[in-house]
Amino acid sequence: MARWKKPTKEEILENRRTLAERARTGDLRLPEAVAEIRRGFGMTQEEFAKTLSLTRRQIAEVEAGTANPTLETLEKIGRLFGFMVGFVPRTTKKN
């Protein structure tokens, strides 16, 4: 199975800017954010897990939306992209 090539530093910065903008607008949700951060670095789940001192299964479950990660785990993941965990106000009202 062919693996994608590692992104350049410029591509990583652009990925970070794009994700930050999506987070600001409330268009970024946890499972997809983790997968996009990982892919933004061009890492497999195994490589990403090792970087964070987690297991591949933990990463897979977070990305699938079936995990209940601790605040510490979320902070580890976010820190890689310069993010912090917090509440984001909704931009539209839901009835």
Protein backbone atom coordinates (compact mmCIF):
# COMPACT_ATOMS: atom_id res chain seq x y z
CA MET A 1 0.00 0.00 0.00
CA ALA A 2 1.47 3.34 -1.05
CA ARG A 3 1.89 5.97 1.64
CA TRP A 4 1.51 9.65 1.02
CA LYS A 5 4.63 11.79 1.11
CA LYS A 6 5.53 13.75 4.21
CA PRO A 7 4.39 17.38 4.00
CA THR A 8 6.93 20.18 3.88
CA LYS A 9 7.25 22.69 6.72
CA GLU A 10 5.29 25.15 4.61
CA GLU A 11 2.50 22.63 4.05
CA ILE A 12 2.37 21.89 7.80
CA LEU A 13 2.06 25.62 8.53
CA GLU A 14 -0.70 25.96 5.94
CA ASN A 15 -2.52 22.96 7.43
CA ARG A 16 -2.22 24.59 10.86
CA ARG A 17 -3.63 27.90 9.54
CA THR A 18 -6.52 26.13 7.82
CA LEU A 19 -7.43 24.10 10.91
CA ALA A 20 -7.11 27.18 13.15
CA GLU A 21 -9.53 29.09 10.93
CA ARG A 22 -11.98 26.19 10.96
CA ALA A 23 -11.72 26.06 14.76
CA ARG A 24 -12.39 29.82 15.01
CA THR A 25 -15.52 29.49 12.92
CA GLY A 26 -16.74 26.44 14.85
CA ASP A 27 -16.39 24.20 11.80
CA LEU A 28 -13.96 21.74 13.37
CA ARG A 29 -15.12 18.78 15.43
CA LEU A 30 -12.99 16.51 17.57
CA PRO A 31 -12.82 13.24 15.61
CA GLU A 32 -12.10 14.92 12.29
CA ALA A 33 -9.71 17.43 13.90
CA VAL A 34 -7.50 14.67 15.29
CA ALA A 35 -7.39 12.87 11.94
CA GLU A 36 -6.62 16.11 10.11
CA ILE A 37 -3.86 17.07 12.55
CA ARG A 38 -2.31 13.63 12.11
CA ARG A 39 -2.60 13.74 8.32
CA GLY A 40 -1.29 17.31 8.39
CA PHE A 41 1.99 15.90 9.67
CA GLY A 42 1.88 13.03 7.16
CA MET A 43 1.83 10.44 9.96
CA THR A 44 0.21 7.07 10.25
CA GLN A 45 -1.88 6.38 13.33
CA GLU A 46 1.02 4.32 14.69
CA GLU A 47 3.56 7.14 14.20
CA PHE A 48 1.17 9.72 15.66
CA ALA A 49 0.48 7.53 18.69
CA LYS A 50 4.21 7.04 19.36
CA THR A 51 4.80 10.79 19.15
CA LEU A 52 2.11 11.34 21.79
CA SER A 53 3.02 8.33 23.98
CA LEU A 54 -0.39 6.81 23.23
CA THR A 55 -1.44 3.59 21.55
CA ARG A 56 -2.56 3.28 17.94
CA ARG A 57 -5.87 1.98 19.25
CA GLN A 58 -6.40 5.16 21.32
CA ILE A 59 -5.79 7.31 18.24
CA ALA A 60 -8.06 5.14 16.09
CA GLU A 61 -10.86 5.37 18.66
CA VAL A 62 -10.53 9.14 19.01
CA GLU A 63 -10.61 9.54 15.22
CA ALA A 64 -13.64 7.24 14.98
CA GLY A 65 -15.46 9.21 17.66
CA THR A 66 -15.82 6.17 19.91
CA ALA A 67 -13.28 7.20 22.56
CA ASN A 68 -13.76 9.30 25.66
CA PRO A 69 -10.30 10.90 25.81
CA THR A 70 -9.03 12.60 28.94
CA LEU A 71 -8.25 16.31 29.00
CA GLU A 72 -4.56 15.40 29.17
CA THR A 73 -4.83 13.36 25.95
CA LEU A 74 -6.69 16.15 24.16
CA GLU A 75 -4.08 18.65 25.28
CA LYS A 76 -1.25 16.41 24.00
CA ILE A 77 -2.91 16.17 20.60
CA GLY A 78 -3.74 19.86 20.35
CA ARG A 79 -0.32 21.01 21.50
CA LEU A 80 1.27 19.52 18.36
CA PHE A 81 -0.59 22.03 16.23
CA GLY A 82 -0.46 24.91 18.70
CA PHE A 83 -4.06 24.40 19.84
CA MET A 84 -5.46 24.37 23.34
CA VAL A 85 -8.62 22.76 24.60
CA GLY A 86 -11.53 25.08 25.29
CA PHE A 87 -15.08 26.02 24.60
CA VAL A 88 -15.90 27.68 21.28
CA PRO A 89 -19.03 29.82 21.08
CA ARG A 90 -21.58 28.87 18.47
CA THR A 91 -21.91 31.29 15.63
CA THR A 92 -25.50 30.36 14.86
CA LYS A 93 -28.41 29.81 17.19
CA LYS A 94 -29.95 26.37 17.34
CA ASN A 95 -33.59 26.04 18.30
